[in-house]
Each structure stands twice: as C-alpha cells, then as structure tokens.
Protein backbone atom coordinates (compact mmCIF):
# COMPACT_ATOMS: atom_id res chain seq x y z
CA MET A 1 3.86 6.62 20.82
CA PHE A 2 4.94 6.61 17.16
CA GLY A 3 7.09 3.55 17.80
CA PHE A 4 4.29 1.44 19.25
CA THR A 5 1.56 2.63 16.85
CA GLY A 6 3.86 2.17 13.87
CA PHE A 7 4.68 -1.37 14.91
CA VAL A 8 1.00 -2.28 15.44
CA GLY A 9 0.13 -0.58 12.17
CA SER A 10 2.62 -2.79 10.35
CA ILE A 11 1.12 -5.92 11.92
CA SER A 12 -2.43 -4.83 11.03
CA ALA A 13 -1.26 -4.12 7.48
CA TYR A 14 -0.35 -7.80 7.17
CA ALA A 15 -3.80 -8.76 8.48
CA ILE A 16 -5.49 -6.41 5.99
CA LEU A 17 -3.34 -7.89 3.25
CA PHE A 18 -4.44 -11.45 4.07
CA SER A 19 -8.10 -10.38 4.29
CA ASN A 20 -7.79 -8.97 0.77
CA PHE A 21 -5.06 -11.26 -0.63
CA GLY A 22 -4.98 -9.86 -4.13
CA ILE A 23 -8.77 -9.66 -4.53
CA GLU A 24 -8.83 -5.89 -4.95
CA THR A 25 -6.06 -5.87 -7.55
CA TYR A 26 -7.63 -8.78 -9.43
CA ALA A 27 -11.06 -7.10 -9.36
CA THR A 28 -9.59 -3.80 -10.57
CA ARG A 29 -8.12 -5.34 -13.70
CA LEU A 30 -11.11 -7.66 -14.31
CA LEU A 31 -13.74 -4.92 -14.08
CA ALA A 32 -11.65 -2.40 -16.00
CA ALA A 33 -11.49 -4.83 -18.92
CA ASP A 34 -15.10 -6.06 -18.66
CA ARG A 35 -17.59 -3.34 -17.73
CA GLU A 36 -20.52 -5.77 -18.04
CA ALA A 37 -19.27 -7.56 -14.92
CA LEU A 38 -20.06 -4.44 -12.89
CA THR A 39 -23.14 -5.65 -11.02
CA LYS A 40 -24.26 -5.79 -7.40
CA LYS A 41 -23.89 -9.57 -7.53
CA THR A 42 -20.21 -9.28 -8.47
CA MET A 43 -19.67 -6.72 -5.74
CA GLY A 44 -21.41 -9.07 -3.30
CA VAL A 45 -18.96 -11.87 -4.09
CA ILE A 46 -16.01 -9.55 -3.55
CA PHE A 47 -17.38 -7.95 -0.37
CA GLY A 48 -18.53 -11.25 1.15
CA THR A 49 -15.21 -12.97 0.55
CA ARG A 50 -13.17 -10.10 1.97
CA SER A 51 -15.47 -9.76 5.01
CA LEU A 52 -15.19 -13.43 5.98
CA LEU A 53 -11.42 -13.40 5.57
CA ALA A 54 -11.21 -10.26 7.72
CA ILE A 55 -13.31 -11.74 10.53
CA ALA A 56 -11.14 -14.87 10.52
CA LEU A 57 -8.01 -12.73 11.01
CA ILE A 58 -9.27 -10.39 13.72
CA ILE A 59 -9.21 -13.05 16.47
CA PRO A 60 -5.50 -14.01 16.15
CA PHE A 61 -4.64 -10.31 15.72
CA ILE A 62 -6.26 -9.41 19.07
CA ALA A 63 -4.72 -12.50 20.73
CA PHE A 64 -1.24 -11.37 19.63
CA GLY A 65 -2.05 -7.87 20.86
CA PHE A 66 -2.83 -9.07 24.38
CA TYR A 67 0.37 -11.12 24.38
CA TYR A 68 2.57 -8.25 23.17
CA SER A 69 0.97 -5.32 25.07
CA GLN A 70 2.25 -4.18 28.44
CA THR A 71 -0.58 -1.80 29.43
CA VAL A 72 -4.36 -1.66 29.18
CA SER A 73 -4.07 1.31 26.79
CA GLU A 74 -1.94 -0.76 24.43
CA GLN A 75 -4.43 -3.64 24.59
CA LEU A 76 -7.25 -1.23 23.72
CA PHE A 77 -5.17 0.06 20.84
CA PHE A 78 -4.94 -3.47 19.41
CA ILE A 79 -8.72 -3.92 19.79
CA PHE A 80 -9.51 -0.63 18.05
CA GLU A 81 -6.91 -1.35 15.37
CA SER A 82 -8.56 -4.71 14.66
CA VAL A 83 -11.67 -2.85 13.48
CA ILE A 84 -9.74 -1.41 10.53
CA ILE A 85 -9.15 -4.96 9.26
CA LEU A 86 -12.89 -5.39 8.71
CA VAL A 87 -13.38 -1.81 7.55
CA TYR A 88 -11.19 -2.43 4.50
CA ALA A 89 -13.74 -4.92 3.18
CA PHE A 90 -15.84 -1.81 2.38
CA ASN A 91 -13.11 -0.31 0.20
CA LEU A 92 -14.55 -0.15 -3.34
CA GLN A 93 -11.51 1.37 -5.01
CA TYR A 94 -11.71 -1.22 -7.79
CA PHE A 95 -15.22 -0.03 -8.73
CA PHE A 96 -14.22 3.62 -9.19
CA VAL A 97 -11.13 2.67 -11.18
CA SER A 98 -13.18 0.46 -13.51
CA ILE A 99 -15.57 3.34 -14.31
CA ARG A 100 -12.59 5.71 -14.74
CA ASP A 101 -13.52 7.86 -11.76
CA VAL A 102 -10.17 7.93 -9.99
CA ARG A 103 -11.01 11.32 -8.47
CA LYS A 104 -13.21 9.59 -5.92
CA VAL A 105 -10.37 7.22 -5.05
CA ALA A 106 -8.18 10.27 -4.47
CA VAL A 107 -10.89 11.91 -2.34
CA ILE A 108 -11.26 8.79 -0.19
CA ARG A 109 -7.51 8.29 0.25
CA THR A 110 -6.39 11.87 0.79
CA GLY A 111 -9.55 12.94 2.61
CA SER A 112 -9.42 10.14 5.15
CA ALA A 113 -5.66 10.57 5.69
CA ALA A 114 -6.01 14.33 6.18
CA LEU A 115 -8.95 14.01 8.56
CA VAL A 116 -7.15 11.35 10.61
CA LEU A 117 -4.13 13.65 10.86
CA VAL A 118 -6.27 16.60 12.00
CA ALA A 119 -8.28 14.51 14.47
CA SER A 120 -5.11 12.99 15.92
CA TYR A 121 -3.62 16.45 16.38
CA CYS A 122 -6.79 17.63 18.17
CA PHE A 123 -7.39 14.62 20.43
CA ILE A 124 -4.04 12.85 20.93
CA HIS A 125 -1.98 14.78 23.47
CA SER A 126 -0.01 12.16 25.40
CA PRO A 127 0.97 8.47 25.36
CA ALA A 128 -2.07 7.85 27.58
CA ASP A 129 -4.29 8.68 24.60
CA VAL A 130 -2.60 6.12 22.35
CA GLN A 131 -5.66 3.84 22.06
CA TYR A 132 -7.74 6.65 20.56
CA ASN A 133 -5.36 6.96 17.62
CA ALA A 134 -6.55 3.59 16.28
CA LEU A 135 -10.19 4.41 17.02
CA ILE A 136 -9.94 7.67 15.09
CA GLY A 137 -8.31 5.95 12.12
CA SER A 138 -10.89 3.16 11.96
CA SER A 139 -13.88 5.49 12.34
CA VAL A 140 -12.75 8.07 9.79
CA THR A 141 -11.78 5.41 7.24
CA LEU A 142 -15.14 3.65 7.64
CA VAL A 143 -17.05 6.90 7.02
CA PHE A 144 -15.18 7.56 3.78
CA PHE A 145 -15.52 3.94 2.60
CA LEU A 146 -19.27 3.93 3.31
CA TRP A 147 -19.61 7.12 1.29
CA GLY A 148 -18.04 5.24 -1.59
CA VAL A 149 -20.33 2.23 -1.07
CA VAL A 150 -23.48 4.38 -1.18
CA HIS A 151 -22.31 6.14 -4.34
CA ALA A 152 -21.35 2.87 -6.06
CA PHE A 153 -24.57 1.00 -5.29
CA ARG A 154 -26.66 3.81 -6.71
CA LYS A 155 -25.04 3.15 -10.09
CA LEU A 156 -24.92 -0.66 -10.11
CA PRO A 157 -27.62 -2.84 -11.71
CA GLY A 158 -29.05 -6.05 -10.26
CA ALA A 159 -29.59 -7.15 -6.69
CA PHE A 160 -27.02 -7.63 -3.96
CA SER A 161 -26.63 -11.18 -2.64
CA PHE A 162 -24.15 -12.89 -0.34
CA PRO A 163 -21.84 -15.24 -2.28
CA SER A 164 -21.84 -19.01 -2.14
CA PHE A 165 -18.80 -20.93 -0.90
CA SER A 166 -17.88 -21.99 -4.44
CA GLU A 167 -17.99 -18.38 -5.65
CA MET A 168 -15.73 -17.23 -2.83
CA ARG A 169 -13.34 -20.13 -3.41
CA GLY A 170 -13.15 -19.30 -7.12
CA LEU A 171 -12.38 -15.65 -6.40
CA VAL A 172 -9.62 -16.53 -3.93
CA ARG A 173 -8.12 -19.04 -6.40
CA ASP A 174 -8.05 -16.52 -9.25
CA SER A 175 -6.56 -13.75 -7.12
CA LEU A 176 -4.01 -15.97 -5.36
CA PRO A 177 -0.91 -14.99 -7.44
CA LEU A 178 -1.64 -11.32 -6.83
CA GLY A 179 -2.25 -12.03 -3.16
CA VAL A 180 1.15 -13.64 -2.75
CA SER A 181 2.66 -10.70 -4.65
CA ALA A 182 1.02 -8.28 -2.24
CA LEU A 183 2.46 -10.27 0.66
CA MET A 184 5.95 -9.98 -0.81
CA ILE A 185 5.48 -6.22 -1.25
CA GLN A 186 4.30 -5.87 2.32
CA ILE A 187 7.36 -7.77 3.51
CA TYR A 188 9.85 -5.41 1.90
CA HIS A 189 7.79 -2.35 2.86
CA SER A 190 7.28 -3.15 6.53
CA ALA A 191 9.56 -6.03 7.58
CA ASP A 192 12.04 -3.39 8.70
CA ILE A 193 9.53 -1.88 11.15
CA VAL A 194 8.56 -5.30 12.48
CA PHE A 195 12.24 -6.23 12.87
CA LEU A 196 12.95 -2.94 14.66
CA GLY A 197 9.88 -3.48 16.86
CA PHE A 198 11.52 -6.56 18.32
CA THR A 199 15.16 -5.35 18.34
CA ASN A 200 14.96 -1.54 18.80
CA PRO A 201 11.55 -0.87 20.39
CA GLY A 202 12.49 2.48 21.96
CA THR A 203 13.16 6.00 20.71
CA GLN A 204 14.88 4.89 17.50
CA LEU A 205 11.79 3.00 16.39
CA GLY A 206 9.74 6.12 17.12
CA TYR A 207 11.98 8.21 14.87
CA TYR A 208 11.77 5.62 12.10
CA THR A 209 8.00 5.11 12.17
CA GLY A 210 7.45 8.86 12.46
CA ALA A 211 9.50 9.46 9.31
CA TYR A 212 7.78 6.53 7.63
CA ARG A 213 4.37 8.14 8.13
CA ILE A 214 5.46 11.00 5.89
CA ILE A 215 7.06 8.57 3.44
CA ASN A 216 3.79 6.64 3.15
CA LEU A 217 1.96 9.80 2.10
CA ILE A 218 4.54 10.60 -0.58
CA SER A 219 4.63 6.98 -1.79
CA ALA A 220 0.85 6.87 -2.31
CA VAL A 221 0.96 9.32 -5.23
CA PRO A 222 2.29 7.02 -8.01
CA GLY A 223 -0.35 4.43 -7.14
CA LEU A 224 -3.06 6.97 -7.94
CA ILE A 225 -1.44 7.65 -11.31
CA TYR A 226 -1.36 3.91 -12.02
CA LEU A 227 -5.06 3.63 -11.20
CA THR A 228 -5.75 6.46 -13.64
CA TYR A 229 -3.94 4.72 -16.47
CA ILE A 230 -4.77 1.05 -15.87
CA PRO A 231 -8.05 0.99 -17.87
CA ASP A 232 -6.05 2.07 -20.95
CA LEU A 233 -2.92 0.08 -20.17
CA ALA A 234 -4.96 -3.12 -19.82
CA THR A 235 -6.22 -2.79 -23.40
CA ILE A 236 -2.74 -2.69 -25.00
CA THR A 237 -2.21 -5.93 -26.92
CA GLU A 238 0.83 -5.23 -29.11
CA ALA A 239 3.92 -3.02 -29.33
CA HIS A 240 3.66 -2.49 -25.58
CA PRO A 241 6.77 -0.31 -25.00
CA ALA A 242 6.08 1.86 -28.05
CA ALA A 243 2.42 2.48 -27.19
CA LYS A 244 1.61 6.12 -26.51
CA THR A 245 -0.20 5.27 -23.27
CA THR A 246 2.78 3.29 -21.95
CA ARG A 247 5.22 6.09 -22.62
CA GLU A 248 2.96 8.78 -21.18
CA TYR A 249 2.38 6.73 -18.05
CA ILE A 250 6.08 6.05 -17.44
CA ALA A 251 7.02 9.68 -18.07
CA ALA A 252 4.29 11.02 -15.76
CA VAL A 253 5.22 8.76 -12.83
CA ILE A 254 8.99 9.29 -13.03
CA ALA A 255 8.80 13.06 -13.64
CA LEU A 256 6.48 13.54 -10.68
CA GLY A 257 8.71 11.34 -8.52
CA ILE A 258 11.79 13.44 -9.30
CA VAL A 259 9.97 16.67 -8.43
CA ILE A 260 8.34 15.43 -5.21
CA VAL A 261 11.40 13.60 -3.90
CA GLY A 262 13.71 16.46 -4.84
CA LEU A 263 11.64 19.07 -3.01
CA SER A 264 11.12 16.78 -0.01
CA PHE A 265 14.86 16.11 0.23
CA TYR A 266 15.72 19.82 0.06
CA PHE A 267 13.13 20.80 2.68
CA SER A 268 13.44 17.65 4.78
CA LYS A 269 14.21 19.44 8.06
CA GLU A 270 11.24 21.75 7.66
CA ILE A 271 8.91 18.87 6.77
CA ILE A 272 9.99 16.85 9.80
CA THR A 273 9.55 19.84 12.13
CA ILE A 274 6.15 20.90 10.80
CA ILE A 275 4.56 17.45 10.67
CA LEU A 276 6.25 15.60 13.52
CA GLY A 277 7.60 18.38 15.72
CA ALA A 278 11.05 19.71 16.62
CA HIS A 279 11.75 16.76 18.93
CA PHE A 280 11.82 14.51 15.83
CA ALA A 281 14.78 16.40 14.33
CA PRO A 282 17.09 13.34 14.74
CA ALA A 283 14.83 11.52 12.24
CA ASN A 284 16.04 13.78 9.41
CA THR A 285 18.87 11.48 8.33
CA VAL A 286 16.75 8.37 8.08
CA PHE A 287 14.01 10.41 6.38
CA ARG A 288 16.44 11.44 3.64
CA ILE A 289 17.59 7.85 3.13
CA LEU A 290 13.95 6.77 2.86
CA LEU A 291 13.36 9.50 0.25
CA ILE A 292 15.93 7.79 -1.98
CA ASN A 293 13.87 4.65 -1.54
CA VAL A 294 10.74 6.61 -2.52
CA LEU A 295 12.31 7.66 -5.83
CA ILE A 296 12.97 4.00 -6.62
CA ILE A 297 9.33 3.23 -5.66
CA TYR A 298 8.16 5.73 -8.29
CA ILE A 299 10.38 4.04 -10.86
CA ASN A 300 9.06 0.61 -9.88
CA VAL A 301 5.45 1.74 -10.14
CA ALA A 302 6.29 3.09 -13.60
CA PHE A 303 7.76 -0.22 -14.78
CA ALA A 304 6.95 -3.20 -12.51
CA HIS A 305 3.24 -2.35 -12.33
CA LEU A 306 3.04 -2.75 -16.10
CA LEU A 307 3.36 -6.51 -15.56
CA MET A 308 0.12 -6.47 -13.56
CA ALA A 309 -1.64 -4.24 -16.07
CA TRP A 310 -0.76 -6.69 -18.86
CA GLY A 311 -1.79 -9.82 -16.97
CA GLU A 312 1.70 -11.10 -16.16
CA ASN A 313 0.74 -11.93 -12.58
CA ARG A 314 3.22 -14.75 -12.08
CA SER A 315 6.07 -12.66 -13.44
CA TYR A 316 5.09 -9.86 -11.10
CA LEU A 317 5.08 -12.34 -8.22
CA TYR A 318 8.65 -13.35 -9.02
CA VAL A 319 9.71 -9.70 -9.23
CA VAL A 320 8.34 -8.65 -5.84
CA SER A 321 9.50 -11.92 -4.24
CA THR A 322 13.02 -10.92 -5.23
CA GLY A 323 12.54 -7.64 -3.36
CA ALA A 324 11.19 -9.42 -0.28
CA ALA A 325 14.14 -11.82 -0.16
CA VAL A 326 16.68 -9.01 -0.52
CA ASN A 327 14.91 -6.97 2.16
CA ILE A 328 14.95 -9.78 4.73
CA VAL A 329 18.63 -10.54 4.15
CA MET A 330 19.65 -6.87 4.25
CA ASN A 331 17.61 -6.24 7.41
CA VAL A 332 19.37 -9.08 9.19
CA VAL A 333 22.76 -7.80 8.04
CA LEU A 334 22.33 -4.04 8.48
CA ILE A 335 19.92 -3.38 11.37
CA PRO A 336 22.11 -4.90 14.14
CA HIS A 337 25.01 -2.63 13.10
CA TYR A 338 23.31 0.52 11.77
CA GLY A 339 19.88 0.56 13.42
CA ILE A 340 17.19 2.62 11.70
CA ASN A 341 19.58 3.88 9.01
CA GLY A 342 20.38 0.27 8.16
CA ALA A 343 16.67 -0.49 7.93
CA ALA A 344 16.17 2.37 5.47
CA ILE A 345 19.13 1.23 3.35
CA ALA A 346 17.77 -2.33 3.35
CA THR A 347 14.42 -1.12 2.01
CA ALA A 348 16.13 0.88 -0.75
CA CYS A 349 18.16 -2.19 -1.74
CA ALA A 350 14.95 -4.23 -1.95
CA GLU A 351 13.32 -1.67 -4.24
CA ALA A 352 16.42 -1.63 -6.44
CA ALA A 353 16.27 -5.42 -6.72
CA VAL A 354 12.61 -5.17 -7.76
CA PHE A 355 13.50 -2.78 -10.57
CA VAL A 356 16.27 -5.03 -11.89
CA ALA A 357 13.97 -8.06 -11.90
CA ALA A 358 11.07 -6.12 -13.47
CA TRP A 359 13.24 -4.71 -16.26
CA ARG A 360 14.51 -8.23 -17.00
CA TYR A 361 10.95 -9.51 -17.48
CA LEU A 362 9.84 -6.47 -19.49
CA ARG A 363 12.76 -6.97 -21.86
CA LYS A 364 12.07 -10.70 -22.18
CA LYS A 365 8.29 -10.63 -22.60
CA PHE A 366 7.60 -7.25 -24.18
CA GLN A 367 10.95 -6.36 -25.81
CA PHE A 368 11.44 -3.27 -23.66
CA SER A 369 14.47 -1.08 -24.31
CA LEU A 370 15.41 2.52 -23.61
CA ALA A 371 15.60 3.14 -27.34
CA LYS A 372 11.93 2.18 -27.83
CA LEU A 373 10.81 4.26 -24.87
CA LEU A 374 12.75 7.35 -25.93
CA ARG A 375 12.02 7.07 -29.66
CA PRO A 376 10.08 10.14 -30.90
CA GLY A 377 6.51 9.70 -32.11
C-alpha cells in the first residue's frame, strides 16, 4: 500500500506544485514586506488564480490515474487524491506569515498531519482500503485550511471579488521564477519515488515511501523556522551576513537539524517499528541514508532560502536547478544498481549540489564567509 500511495502522492505533489507555481512563496514575501496589500481583494486574486490552475490540472491527473491503475480501488484513490489538488488553493499560509502568526501555520501543518495519521491508523486496515487513505487526507486537510480561511477573512478589510484575467496573468508572471524553482525542488525531492514507481514498483518501493513519510515530517521543521524569520529577513538591506537576524536564523536551523537528525539516526530502528510496524524493519538502512539527506536539507534551508528572502529569485532558480539536474543523473546511474539505497544517495547528492551552488551565490552577491558568520557581536 505504501508503495502505491507514495507514488500517487508524488504525482499529485507535482500537480499541486503547478496549481500554485510559486504564487504562495511570492505572496508570502510580498505581503510580509507590504502589510497594506493585505486585503480581501488581494486574497481573491491569489485564491482565484490558484483555483483555476488546480481545476485545469485535475482532469489530466485523473486520466493518468485510470491509465496507470490496475484495480477499481486504485482508480478511486486517484479520484480522491485529485481533490487535494483543489484543496490546496485554500491554503492561506502566506497570510499568517505576513502577520507574524506562524503558530497557526504550525497548527494547520502538524494538526492535519497528526489527524491524518490517526485516522489512517483507525480506518485503513488492508490494501482493500487504499482509496480511503486519499479521502481521509483530502478531507482533514480541507477542514484545517477552511479554519484558516475563516480566521483570516475576519481580519481582512475590503470586499472579496474574483480576479480578472489580467490580474491572474500578472500574478502568474511575477511568481514564475519561484514557480520554476519549486518545480526543480520537487524534482530532486520526489523524482526518485517516481523513478522507482516505474522500475521497482513492489516491496522495495513500499519500504522507501514508508521511510520517506517519516522523513517528510522531519524535513518540515526548518521550513517553519524560515517562515518565522522571513518578515525580518526580508527587511535586511545591507551587511546581510553580519546582520543579527541572519546569524540567529542560520544558527537556529542548523542546531535544530543536528539534534533532530542525530536522535532520529540513533533511534532509527525504534522509530521505524513504532510508526510503520515491525514488518518495515528492512527500511532502516535507507531511512538512515535519508536522514543524512535531511541534515543537508536543514543546511540548505539555512542558507539557500536566504536568496528567496532577499529577492534573488533567479539566483535561487539556478541553485535548485543544479540540484534537480544532479538528482536526475544520479537516479539514472544509481537506482538500476543499488535500488532504494541508490535513490536515497542520489537525493543526498542533489542536496549537496544545492548547498555548493547556494554558497557560491551568497559569497558573490552578499559577501558571505564563515569569518563574518562566526564573528562575535
């Protein structure tokens, strides 16, 4: 079950990405820097654009699902999973970040993930129940997102209106570099699962996607820290590496990454057994390899994300494109010979390439150096 659901989840993640295509990231930085833009009209432009893009992607997603599926249950899973593509149009994370209320973002993310996990444990008992896994995820996520929508609209001035075509086109144009960047990130985060879905669709894929579910939870933490700091990071205009906020942010992300990854690595067997079950014990090796990748993710969030915070969207696009290219090449080279372990190594190599490219740009554009970061004061 984990193999099939993980593969479909990776495909739907691409659809969600295209329905958003950098709009959320662009809106987060825009509204964090300009609080006066926080109106129902602005939110209407964002919501309307994302909704139309989502609807346009649902049809080919379901068509692919019917082509790929072998049972009626799998076809139903694709249908239920398609709902989540539209549900993400209701995600107002950018609003809560702009008003510096990241706690609600954390509540929505962790609350929905925890409730999905509990509901899946209670209602999913066999592969025959596979379609309900997607239904549970879509329903729970929608409830949490709607809670956020109600809370946000109570605070926003003005009247809600559906955007014009020119407004939607302008938003897509402005967010395009970040959209392409998000696509590159998605490639080196999930191309391995897609590749395995076509080459190793059996038990090995199940082990990999099962381990990856835990990895996704651990990897979400640094993003929350970034959202906490971005309103302050976006206002830095000079001496970027020496700024107190920059140094605090980098230290917080990396220190937390070392602690979380270290503990997860030490207790990896116990984590696998408790969350996935004893029959997933063979996934321990690939889980540990993926944990090394997670540590590099924390480092990349600490450094590469600074390019986004400081408006260097094209530089960030180049950085993550480097990671995507390395990931594709390494997947082709390693997966045929080393299976799921090769996929995990390929992902770690991609993250390492992202760090090297990000550090190069930070040194060139903002004069980053270890000496400036470690200098007292």
